[in-house]
Amino acid sequence: MTMEDFDYTFAGLPLHVLLVHVVLVATPLVALALVLIAAWPAARRVLWLPLLLAAAVLLPLGLFTIEAGKWLEQRVPPAPLIQEHTAQGENIVPWLITLLVLGGVIAAWAVVELPVARRTTQPERVVPGRGIRIAVGALLTVAAIAVAAGSTWTLVQIGEAGSRAVWEGSFSDEPLER
């Protein structure tokens, strides 16, 4: 069974319509959480693994949502707004990859910092100095802020195009009489 053969529906609804909401909520949450753990060493020590796993799940979820969208596009009447939304949909992929890579870098830094947190003075362990820890933390924080802003802005653009494709011209400005 290939991805083209997959039935992208759940309970009679197109999966894209359902999954897109998960991606729209999860992406900024993961991005903001990466900013938090990049900036706050105590949070980094505790949350690096769950956030790395969340970023690792978010990437295939985003790709699956895009495939479900392509499936749906083939089952609705052609329209310029839908084509625009579909064309923009893949713009999130580089951001999802960047979230995962940044999550991996932050996770690696958290592991490097573990001896500092445990206050170990083992001679075989080289522990980064305070200045290095502050500089790396600041660099990771700036990178996380940039990725959070870029991924969120991209989602806003994609979501706005999708909303227009679905709703533009399909409702009345005035309440309908029942």
Protein backbone atom coordinates (compact mmCIF):
# COMPACT_ATOMS: atom_id res chain seq x y z
CA MET A 1 0.00 0.00 0.00
CA THR A 2 1.47 3.35 -1.06
CA MET A 3 0.62 6.78 0.29
CA GLU A 4 -1.51 7.37 -2.84
CA ASP A 5 -3.63 4.31 -1.95
CA PHE A 6 -4.22 5.49 1.62
CA ASP A 7 -7.73 6.60 2.56
CA TYR A 8 -7.19 9.97 4.20
CA THR A 9 -10.51 10.02 6.06
CA PHE A 10 -11.56 9.49 9.65
CA ALA A 11 -15.19 9.09 10.68
CA GLY A 12 -16.24 10.37 7.26
CA LEU A 13 -14.17 13.56 7.48
CA PRO A 14 -11.00 14.34 5.52
CA LEU A 15 -7.98 13.76 7.78
CA HIS A 16 -6.37 16.99 6.60
CA VAL A 17 -9.15 19.01 8.20
CA LEU A 18 -8.54 17.26 11.53
CA LEU A 19 -4.72 17.03 11.47
CA VAL A 20 -4.15 20.60 10.41
CA HIS A 21 -5.44 21.76 13.79
CA VAL A 22 -2.94 19.55 15.61
CA VAL A 23 -0.06 20.94 13.53
CA LEU A 24 -1.32 24.52 14.00
CA VAL A 25 -1.32 24.13 17.77
CA ALA A 26 1.67 21.83 18.26
CA THR A 27 4.19 23.70 16.09
CA PRO A 28 4.12 27.01 17.99
CA LEU A 29 3.95 25.15 21.31
CA VAL A 30 7.05 23.11 20.50
CA ALA A 31 8.78 26.23 19.19
CA LEU A 32 7.97 28.23 22.33
CA ALA A 33 9.02 25.34 24.54
CA LEU A 34 12.35 25.22 22.70
CA VAL A 35 12.79 28.93 23.45
CA LEU A 36 12.05 28.17 27.11
CA ILE A 37 14.56 25.34 27.41
CA ALA A 38 17.19 27.21 25.40
CA ALA A 39 16.95 30.18 27.77
CA TRP A 40 16.43 28.35 31.07
CA PRO A 41 19.05 25.73 32.02
CA ALA A 42 16.94 24.17 34.79
CA ALA A 43 14.08 23.57 32.33
CA ARG A 44 16.54 22.28 29.74
CA ARG A 45 17.79 19.59 32.12
CA VAL A 46 14.25 18.27 32.63
CA LEU A 47 12.47 18.93 29.32
CA TRP A 48 15.08 18.32 26.62
CA LEU A 49 14.00 14.73 25.95
CA PRO A 50 10.21 15.31 25.83
CA LEU A 51 10.71 18.29 23.52
CA LEU A 52 13.09 16.39 21.27
CA LEU A 53 10.50 13.63 21.01
CA ALA A 54 7.73 16.17 20.32
CA ALA A 55 9.77 17.73 17.51
CA ALA A 56 10.52 14.24 16.16
CA VAL A 57 6.78 13.42 16.07
CA LEU A 58 5.82 16.83 14.65
CA LEU A 59 7.85 16.42 11.46
CA PRO A 60 6.18 13.22 10.20
CA LEU A 61 2.82 14.53 11.41
CA GLY A 62 3.31 17.66 9.33
CA LEU A 63 4.34 15.62 6.29
CA PHE A 64 1.32 13.34 6.73
CA THR A 65 -0.95 16.39 6.99
CA ILE A 66 0.48 17.72 3.73
CA GLU A 67 -0.16 14.39 2.01
CA ALA A 68 -3.71 14.37 3.38
CA GLY A 69 -4.13 17.89 1.97
CA LYS A 70 -2.94 16.78 -1.47
CA TRP A 71 -5.41 13.89 -1.29
CA LEU A 72 -8.20 16.31 -0.37
CA GLU A 73 -7.26 18.77 -3.12
CA GLN A 74 -7.92 16.03 -5.69
CA ARG A 75 -11.43 15.57 -4.28
CA VAL A 76 -12.72 19.14 -4.29
CA PRO A 77 -13.52 21.37 -7.25
CA PRO A 78 -10.43 23.21 -8.54
CA ALA A 79 -10.16 26.76 -7.27
CA PRO A 80 -7.31 29.31 -7.23
CA LEU A 81 -7.56 29.74 -3.44
CA ILE A 82 -7.18 26.00 -2.85
CA GLN A 83 -4.22 25.87 -5.23
CA GLU A 84 -2.63 28.80 -3.38
CA HIS A 85 -3.14 27.06 -0.03
CA THR A 86 -1.71 23.80 -1.34
CA ALA A 87 1.31 25.57 -2.82
CA GLN A 88 2.02 27.25 0.52
CA GLY A 89 1.47 24.10 2.59
CA GLU A 90 4.91 22.65 1.97
CA ASN A 91 6.57 25.86 3.20
CA ILE A 92 6.26 24.52 6.75
CA VAL A 93 8.53 21.51 6.07
CA PRO A 94 11.87 23.37 6.37
CA TRP A 95 10.66 24.89 9.64
CA LEU A 96 9.64 21.50 11.04
CA ILE A 97 13.06 20.12 10.09
CA THR A 98 14.73 23.13 11.72
CA LEU A 99 12.68 22.61 14.90
CA LEU A 100 13.88 19.01 15.04
CA VAL A 101 17.52 19.91 14.36
CA LEU A 102 17.43 22.72 16.93
CA GLY A 103 15.78 20.35 19.41
CA GLY A 104 18.65 17.92 18.80
CA VAL A 105 21.27 20.63 19.32
CA ILE A 106 19.60 21.79 22.54
CA ALA A 107 19.34 18.17 23.71
CA ALA A 108 23.04 17.62 23.00
CA TRP A 109 23.88 20.79 24.92
CA ALA A 110 21.73 19.61 27.84
CA VAL A 111 23.72 16.36 27.95
CA VAL A 112 27.01 18.29 27.84
CA GLU A 113 25.80 20.39 30.77
CA LEU A 114 24.75 17.41 32.91
CA PRO A 115 28.02 17.27 34.89
CA VAL A 116 27.55 20.94 35.82
CA ALA A 117 24.04 20.25 37.07
CA ARG A 118 25.23 17.25 39.06
CA ARG A 119 28.16 19.25 40.38
CA THR A 120 30.53 16.45 39.53
CA THR A 121 34.21 17.15 39.67
CA GLN A 122 35.39 13.98 37.99
CA PRO A 123 38.80 14.60 36.46
CA GLU A 124 37.92 12.72 33.27
CA ARG A 125 34.90 14.97 32.56
CA VAL A 126 35.59 18.32 30.96
CA VAL A 127 32.91 20.75 32.07
CA PRO A 128 32.24 23.90 30.04
CA GLY A 129 32.96 27.12 31.90
CA ARG A 130 30.25 29.52 33.02
CA GLY A 131 30.99 32.02 30.24
CA ILE A 132 30.73 29.33 27.58
CA ARG A 133 27.46 28.06 29.08
CA ILE A 134 26.00 31.57 29.04
CA ALA A 135 27.18 32.25 25.47
CA VAL A 136 25.85 28.93 24.13
CA GLY A 137 22.57 29.42 26.02
CA ALA A 138 22.18 32.89 24.51
CA LEU A 139 22.96 31.63 21.01
CA LEU A 140 20.48 28.77 21.36
CA THR A 141 17.85 31.17 22.68
CA VAL A 142 18.26 33.56 19.74
CA ALA A 143 18.08 30.62 17.31
CA ALA A 144 14.96 29.27 19.04
CA ILE A 145 13.26 32.68 18.93
CA ALA A 146 14.03 32.99 15.22
CA VAL A 147 12.69 29.49 14.48
CA ALA A 148 9.60 30.09 16.63
CA ALA A 149 8.85 33.35 14.82
CA GLY A 150 9.51 31.93 11.35
CA SER A 151 7.53 28.74 11.85
CA THR A 152 4.60 30.57 13.42
CA TRP A 153 4.52 33.21 10.67
CA THR A 154 4.62 30.49 8.00
CA LEU A 155 1.72 28.68 9.69
CA VAL A 156 -0.27 31.91 9.82
CA GLN A 157 0.21 32.41 6.08
CA ILE A 158 -0.70 28.80 5.25
CA GLY A 159 -3.70 28.83 7.61
CA GLU A 160 -4.95 32.13 6.28
CA ALA A 161 -4.82 30.79 2.72
CA GLY A 162 -6.64 27.63 3.83
CA SER A 163 -9.31 29.61 5.66
CA ARG A 164 -9.89 31.79 2.61
CA ALA A 165 -10.12 28.69 0.40
CA VAL A 166 -12.83 27.22 2.63
CA TRP A 167 -14.78 30.25 3.79
CA GLU A 168 -14.37 33.11 1.33
CA GLY A 169 -17.73 33.66 -0.37
CA SER A 170 -19.42 30.81 1.48
CA PHE A 171 -21.25 32.72 4.19
CA SER A 172 -23.57 35.68 4.48
CA ASP A 173 -22.75 38.94 6.23
CA GLU A 174 -26.27 38.93 7.59
CA PRO A 175 -27.95 36.13 9.57
CA LEU A 176 -30.02 33.83 7.39
CA GLU A 177 -33.69 33.51 8.12
CA ARG A 178 -34.62 30.07 9.36
